[in-house]
Amino acid sequence: MEIPIGAILFFRDLTISIAIYLIVSLSLNLEFGFAGIPNFGKVLSVAGGAFTAGFLPGRIATWAYGIELSYVDNNAQVVAEINKSLSQDPLFSISIFVFTIVIAALVGAVL
């Protein structure tokens, strides 16, 4: 019996998400749970970086490819257009990813 590729990708993504949340929650548990020091700055910076990473790449791609659909009203159509365009241009896809990570890190650092 062969494991479907979709299941492998799902568990990979799930493991990565769990690892990120585990790192943040363990560091907060060390600070507040053992030392009694509440650290809202870390929560704010993680949330700001996560918001930036979720907000920015789709809007950059719609702007770069000139997609005129509203990102809020027609999200499924916009995502389909972006995926079709990005699958043809892997270098631009990687550059959007790296740019988004850098900007998210900067937003988290500023916060």
N, C-alpha and C. Protein backbone atom coordinates (compact mmCIF):
# COMPACT_ATOMS: atom_id res chain seq x y z
N MET A 1 0.84 -1.18 0.00
CA MET A 1 0.00 0.00 0.00
C MET A 1 0.89 1.25 0.00
N GLU A 2 0.63 2.12 -0.93
CA GLU A 2 1.43 3.34 -1.07
C GLU A 2 0.69 4.52 -0.43
N ILE A 3 1.43 5.33 0.29
CA ILE A 3 0.85 6.50 0.95
C ILE A 3 0.69 7.61 -0.09
N PRO A 4 -0.51 8.21 -0.20
CA PRO A 4 -0.71 9.28 -1.18
C PRO A 4 0.15 10.50 -0.86
N ILE A 5 0.56 11.19 -1.92
CA ILE A 5 1.43 12.37 -1.75
C ILE A 5 0.72 13.47 -0.98
N GLY A 6 -0.60 13.57 -1.12
CA GLY A 6 -1.35 14.58 -0.37
C GLY A 6 -1.26 14.37 1.12
N ALA A 7 -1.28 13.11 1.56
CA ALA A 7 -1.17 12.81 2.98
C ALA A 7 0.22 13.15 3.49
N ILE A 8 1.23 12.87 2.69
CA ILE A 8 2.61 13.18 3.10
C ILE A 8 2.79 14.69 3.23
N LEU A 9 2.29 15.44 2.26
CA LEU A 9 2.41 16.90 2.32
C LEU A 9 1.62 17.48 3.49
N PHE A 10 0.44 16.91 3.76
CA PHE A 10 -0.35 17.38 4.88
C PHE A 10 0.38 17.19 6.20
N PHE A 11 0.93 16.01 6.41
CA PHE A 11 1.62 15.74 7.67
C PHE A 11 2.92 16.54 7.79
N ARG A 12 3.57 16.81 6.66
CA ARG A 12 4.76 17.67 6.69
C ARG A 12 4.38 19.08 7.14
N ASP A 13 3.34 19.64 6.51
CA ASP A 13 2.90 20.98 6.89
C ASP A 13 2.40 21.03 8.32
N LEU A 14 1.70 19.99 8.76
CA LEU A 14 1.22 19.94 10.13
C LEU A 14 2.37 19.89 11.12
N THR A 15 3.39 19.11 10.80
CA THR A 15 4.57 19.01 11.67
C THR A 15 5.30 20.34 11.77
N ILE A 16 5.42 21.05 10.66
CA ILE A 16 6.09 22.36 10.69
C ILE A 16 5.30 23.35 11.54
N SER A 17 3.98 23.39 11.36
CA SER A 17 3.15 24.31 12.16
C SER A 17 3.23 23.98 13.65
N ILE A 18 3.15 22.71 13.97
CA ILE A 18 3.24 22.31 15.38
C ILE A 18 4.61 22.68 15.96
N ALA A 19 5.68 22.51 15.18
CA ALA A 19 7.02 22.84 15.67
C ALA A 19 7.16 24.33 15.95
N ILE A 20 6.60 25.16 15.09
CA ILE A 20 6.68 26.62 15.31
C ILE A 20 5.92 27.00 16.58
N TYR A 21 4.70 26.51 16.74
CA TYR A 21 3.92 26.83 17.93
C TYR A 21 4.55 26.25 19.18
N LEU A 22 5.19 25.10 19.05
CA LEU A 22 5.87 24.49 20.19
C LEU A 22 7.04 25.34 20.66
N ILE A 23 7.81 25.88 19.73
CA ILE A 23 8.94 26.74 20.10
C ILE A 23 8.45 27.98 20.84
N VAL A 24 7.41 28.62 20.29
CA VAL A 24 6.90 29.85 20.93
C VAL A 24 6.29 29.53 22.30
N SER A 25 5.49 28.46 22.37
CA SER A 25 4.84 28.17 23.65
C SER A 25 5.84 27.71 24.71
N LEU A 26 6.87 26.97 24.32
CA LEU A 26 7.88 26.57 25.31
C LEU A 26 8.67 27.77 25.83
N SER A 27 9.01 28.70 24.93
CA SER A 27 9.75 29.87 25.41
C SER A 27 8.89 30.73 26.32
N LEU A 28 7.59 30.85 25.99
CA LEU A 28 6.71 31.60 26.88
C LEU A 28 6.49 30.87 28.20
N ASN A 29 6.45 29.55 28.16
CA ASN A 29 6.29 28.77 29.40
C ASN A 29 7.53 28.92 30.28
N LEU A 30 8.69 28.97 29.69
CA LEU A 30 9.90 29.17 30.49
C LEU A 30 9.89 30.53 31.16
N GLU A 31 9.45 31.57 30.43
CA GLU A 31 9.47 32.92 31.00
C GLU A 31 8.37 33.13 32.03
N PHE A 32 7.14 32.77 31.69
CA PHE A 32 6.04 33.05 32.60
C PHE A 32 5.80 31.91 33.58
N GLY A 33 5.89 30.67 33.09
CA GLY A 33 5.59 29.54 33.95
C GLY A 33 6.61 29.33 35.05
N PHE A 34 7.87 29.45 34.75
CA PHE A 34 8.91 29.20 35.74
C PHE A 34 9.40 30.48 36.40
N ALA A 35 9.54 31.55 35.63
CA ALA A 35 10.08 32.78 36.21
C ALA A 35 9.00 33.74 36.66
N GLY A 36 7.76 33.57 36.18
CA GLY A 36 6.68 34.46 36.57
C GLY A 36 6.72 35.82 35.88
N ILE A 37 7.44 35.89 34.76
CA ILE A 37 7.57 37.15 34.04
C ILE A 37 6.66 37.10 32.81
N PRO A 38 5.58 37.88 32.78
CA PRO A 38 4.75 37.89 31.56
C PRO A 38 5.47 38.65 30.45
N ASN A 39 5.48 38.08 29.28
CA ASN A 39 6.19 38.68 28.15
C ASN A 39 5.23 38.86 27.00
N PHE A 40 4.50 39.97 27.02
CA PHE A 40 3.55 40.24 25.96
C PHE A 40 4.25 40.73 24.69
N GLY A 41 5.46 41.18 24.82
CA GLY A 41 6.21 41.64 23.64
C GLY A 41 6.50 40.51 22.68
N LYS A 42 6.77 39.33 23.18
CA LYS A 42 7.04 38.19 22.29
C LYS A 42 5.76 37.79 21.56
N VAL A 43 4.66 37.78 22.27
CA VAL A 43 3.39 37.43 21.65
C VAL A 43 3.04 38.45 20.57
N LEU A 44 3.26 39.72 20.85
CA LEU A 44 2.96 40.76 19.88
C LEU A 44 3.84 40.64 18.64
N SER A 45 5.12 40.37 18.83
CA SER A 45 6.01 40.28 17.68
C SER A 45 5.72 39.05 16.84
N VAL A 46 5.40 37.93 17.46
CA VAL A 46 5.03 36.72 16.71
C VAL A 46 3.74 36.96 15.95
N ALA A 47 2.76 37.58 16.59
CA ALA A 47 1.49 37.85 15.92
C ALA A 47 1.66 38.84 14.76
N GLY A 48 2.48 39.86 14.95
CA GLY A 48 2.72 40.82 13.87
C GLY A 48 3.43 40.19 12.69
N GLY A 49 4.43 39.36 12.96
CA GLY A 49 5.11 38.66 11.87
C GLY A 49 4.20 37.68 11.16
N ALA A 50 3.35 36.98 11.91
CA ALA A 50 2.41 36.04 11.29
C ALA A 50 1.38 36.77 10.45
N PHE A 51 0.89 37.90 10.92
CA PHE A 51 -0.06 38.69 10.14
C PHE A 51 0.58 39.18 8.85
N THR A 52 1.82 39.64 8.94
CA THR A 52 2.52 40.12 7.74
C THR A 52 2.75 38.98 6.75
N ALA A 53 3.14 37.82 7.24
CA ALA A 53 3.38 36.67 6.36
C ALA A 53 2.09 36.19 5.71
N GLY A 54 0.97 36.36 6.36
CA GLY A 54 -0.30 35.98 5.75
C GLY A 54 -0.87 37.03 4.84
N PHE A 55 -0.57 38.28 5.09
CA PHE A 55 -1.16 39.39 4.35
C PHE A 55 -0.40 39.72 3.07
N LEU A 56 0.90 39.71 3.11
CA LEU A 56 1.72 40.31 2.07
C LEU A 56 1.87 39.53 0.77
N PRO A 57 2.15 38.23 0.75
CA PRO A 57 2.50 37.59 -0.52
C PRO A 57 1.39 37.58 -1.56
N GLY A 58 0.16 37.41 -1.15
CA GLY A 58 -0.94 37.42 -2.11
C GLY A 58 -1.13 38.77 -2.75
N ARG A 59 -0.98 39.80 -1.96
CA ARG A 59 -1.14 41.16 -2.51
C ARG A 59 0.02 41.54 -3.43
N ILE A 60 1.21 41.08 -3.10
CA ILE A 60 2.36 41.34 -3.99
C ILE A 60 2.14 40.64 -5.32
N ALA A 61 1.68 39.40 -5.28
CA ALA A 61 1.48 38.64 -6.52
C ALA A 61 0.36 39.25 -7.36
N THR A 62 -0.74 39.69 -6.73
CA THR A 62 -1.82 40.32 -7.51
C THR A 62 -1.34 41.61 -8.14
N TRP A 63 -0.53 42.36 -7.44
CA TRP A 63 0.01 43.61 -7.98
C TRP A 63 1.00 43.33 -9.11
N ALA A 64 1.88 42.35 -8.93
CA ALA A 64 2.91 42.06 -9.93
C ALA A 64 2.32 41.49 -11.21
N TYR A 65 1.28 40.67 -11.09
CA TYR A 65 0.68 40.06 -12.28
C TYR A 65 -0.49 40.87 -12.82
N GLY A 66 -0.83 41.96 -12.19
CA GLY A 66 -1.89 42.83 -12.69
C GLY A 66 -3.27 42.22 -12.61
N ILE A 67 -3.52 41.42 -11.61
CA ILE A 67 -4.84 40.81 -11.44
C ILE A 67 -5.77 41.85 -10.85
N GLU A 68 -6.84 42.14 -11.56
CA GLU A 68 -7.72 43.25 -11.19
C GLU A 68 -8.87 42.85 -10.27
N LEU A 69 -8.99 41.57 -9.93
CA LEU A 69 -10.08 41.14 -9.05
C LEU A 69 -9.82 41.61 -7.62
N SER A 70 -10.90 41.85 -6.90
CA SER A 70 -10.78 42.25 -5.50
C SER A 70 -10.32 41.06 -4.67
N TYR A 71 -9.28 41.24 -3.90
CA TYR A 71 -8.73 40.15 -3.10
C TYR A 71 -9.70 39.74 -1.99
N VAL A 72 -10.52 40.66 -1.52
CA VAL A 72 -11.44 40.36 -0.41
C VAL A 72 -12.70 39.68 -0.94
N ASP A 73 -13.29 40.20 -2.01
CA ASP A 73 -14.56 39.68 -2.50
C ASP A 73 -14.42 38.39 -3.30
N ASN A 74 -13.35 38.26 -4.08
CA ASN A 74 -13.17 37.12 -4.98
C ASN A 74 -11.93 36.32 -4.61
N ASN A 75 -11.81 35.93 -3.37
CA ASN A 75 -10.58 35.31 -2.89
C ASN A 75 -10.27 34.01 -3.63
N ALA A 76 -11.26 33.17 -3.88
CA ALA A 76 -11.00 31.88 -4.55
C ALA A 76 -10.52 32.10 -5.98
N GLN A 77 -11.10 33.04 -6.68
CA GLN A 77 -10.68 33.31 -8.06
C GLN A 77 -9.29 33.93 -8.10
N VAL A 78 -9.01 34.81 -7.16
CA VAL A 78 -7.70 35.45 -7.12
C VAL A 78 -6.61 34.42 -6.81
N VAL A 79 -6.88 33.55 -5.85
CA VAL A 79 -5.90 32.52 -5.49
C VAL A 79 -5.65 31.58 -6.67
N ALA A 80 -6.71 31.23 -7.40
CA ALA A 80 -6.54 30.37 -8.57
C ALA A 80 -5.69 31.05 -9.63
N GLU A 81 -5.91 32.33 -9.86
CA GLU A 81 -5.11 33.08 -10.84
C GLU A 81 -3.65 33.20 -10.38
N ILE A 82 -3.46 33.47 -9.10
CA ILE A 82 -2.10 33.59 -8.58
C ILE A 82 -1.36 32.26 -8.69
N ASN A 83 -2.03 31.16 -8.31
CA ASN A 83 -1.39 29.85 -8.39
C ASN A 83 -1.01 29.49 -9.82
N LYS A 84 -1.89 29.81 -10.76
CA LYS A 84 -1.59 29.53 -12.17
C LYS A 84 -0.39 30.35 -12.63
N SER A 85 -0.33 31.60 -12.24
CA SER A 85 0.79 32.46 -12.64
C SER A 85 2.09 32.06 -11.96
N LEU A 86 2.03 31.77 -10.67
CA LEU A 86 3.25 31.43 -9.94
C LEU A 86 3.81 30.06 -10.32
N SER A 87 2.95 29.15 -10.78
CA SER A 87 3.45 27.85 -11.21
C SER A 87 4.30 27.96 -12.48
N GLN A 88 4.09 29.03 -13.24
CA GLN A 88 4.88 29.24 -14.45
C GLN A 88 6.18 29.99 -14.17
N ASP A 89 6.30 30.59 -12.99
CA ASP A 89 7.46 31.42 -12.67
C ASP A 89 8.01 31.08 -11.28
N PRO A 90 8.77 29.97 -11.16
CA PRO A 90 9.23 29.56 -9.83
C PRO A 90 10.22 30.52 -9.18
N LEU A 91 11.02 31.22 -9.97
CA LEU A 91 11.98 32.17 -9.41
C LEU A 91 11.25 33.32 -8.72
N PHE A 92 10.20 33.82 -9.34
CA PHE A 92 9.41 34.89 -8.73
C PHE A 92 8.71 34.38 -7.47
N SER A 93 8.25 33.11 -7.50
CA SER A 93 7.61 32.52 -6.32
C SER A 93 8.56 32.49 -5.13
N ILE A 94 9.78 32.05 -5.39
CA ILE A 94 10.79 31.98 -4.31
C ILE A 94 11.16 33.37 -3.83
N SER A 95 11.25 34.32 -4.75
CA SER A 95 11.61 35.68 -4.33
C SER A 95 10.50 36.31 -3.49
N ILE A 96 9.23 36.04 -3.82
CA ILE A 96 8.13 36.53 -2.97
C ILE A 96 8.21 35.91 -1.59
N PHE A 97 8.51 34.61 -1.53
CA PHE A 97 8.62 33.91 -0.25
C PHE A 97 9.73 34.52 0.60
N VAL A 98 10.91 34.71 0.03
CA VAL A 98 12.04 35.25 0.78
C VAL A 98 11.76 36.69 1.21
N PHE A 99 11.20 37.49 0.30
CA PHE A 99 10.88 38.87 0.63
C PHE A 99 9.87 38.94 1.77
N THR A 100 8.85 38.07 1.74
CA THR A 100 7.83 38.06 2.78
C THR A 100 8.43 37.66 4.13
N ILE A 101 9.31 36.67 4.13
CA ILE A 101 9.93 36.25 5.38
C ILE A 101 10.80 37.37 5.96
N VAL A 102 11.53 38.06 5.10
CA VAL A 102 12.38 39.17 5.57
C VAL A 102 11.51 40.29 6.15
N ILE A 103 10.46 40.67 5.44
CA ILE A 103 9.58 41.74 5.93
C ILE A 103 8.88 41.32 7.22
N ALA A 104 8.43 40.07 7.30
CA ALA A 104 7.78 39.59 8.53
C ALA A 104 8.75 39.61 9.70
N ALA A 105 10.00 39.24 9.46
CA ALA A 105 11.01 39.28 10.53
C ALA A 105 11.26 40.73 10.96
N LEU A 106 11.31 41.64 10.00
CA LEU A 106 11.51 43.05 10.35
C LEU A 106 10.33 43.61 11.13
N VAL A 107 9.11 43.27 10.72
CA VAL A 107 7.93 43.72 11.47
C VAL A 107 7.95 43.16 12.89
N GLY A 108 8.29 41.88 13.02
CA GLY A 108 8.37 41.28 14.35
C GLY A 108 9.46 41.93 15.19
N ALA A 109 10.59 42.27 14.57
CA ALA A 109 11.68 42.92 15.30
C ALA A 109 11.27 44.33 15.74
N VAL A 110 10.58 45.06 14.87
CA VAL A 110 10.16 46.42 15.22
C VAL A 110 9.13 46.37 16.36
N LEU A 111 8.21 45.42 16.28
CA LEU A 111 7.21 45.32 17.34
C LEU A 111 7.83 44.88 18.64
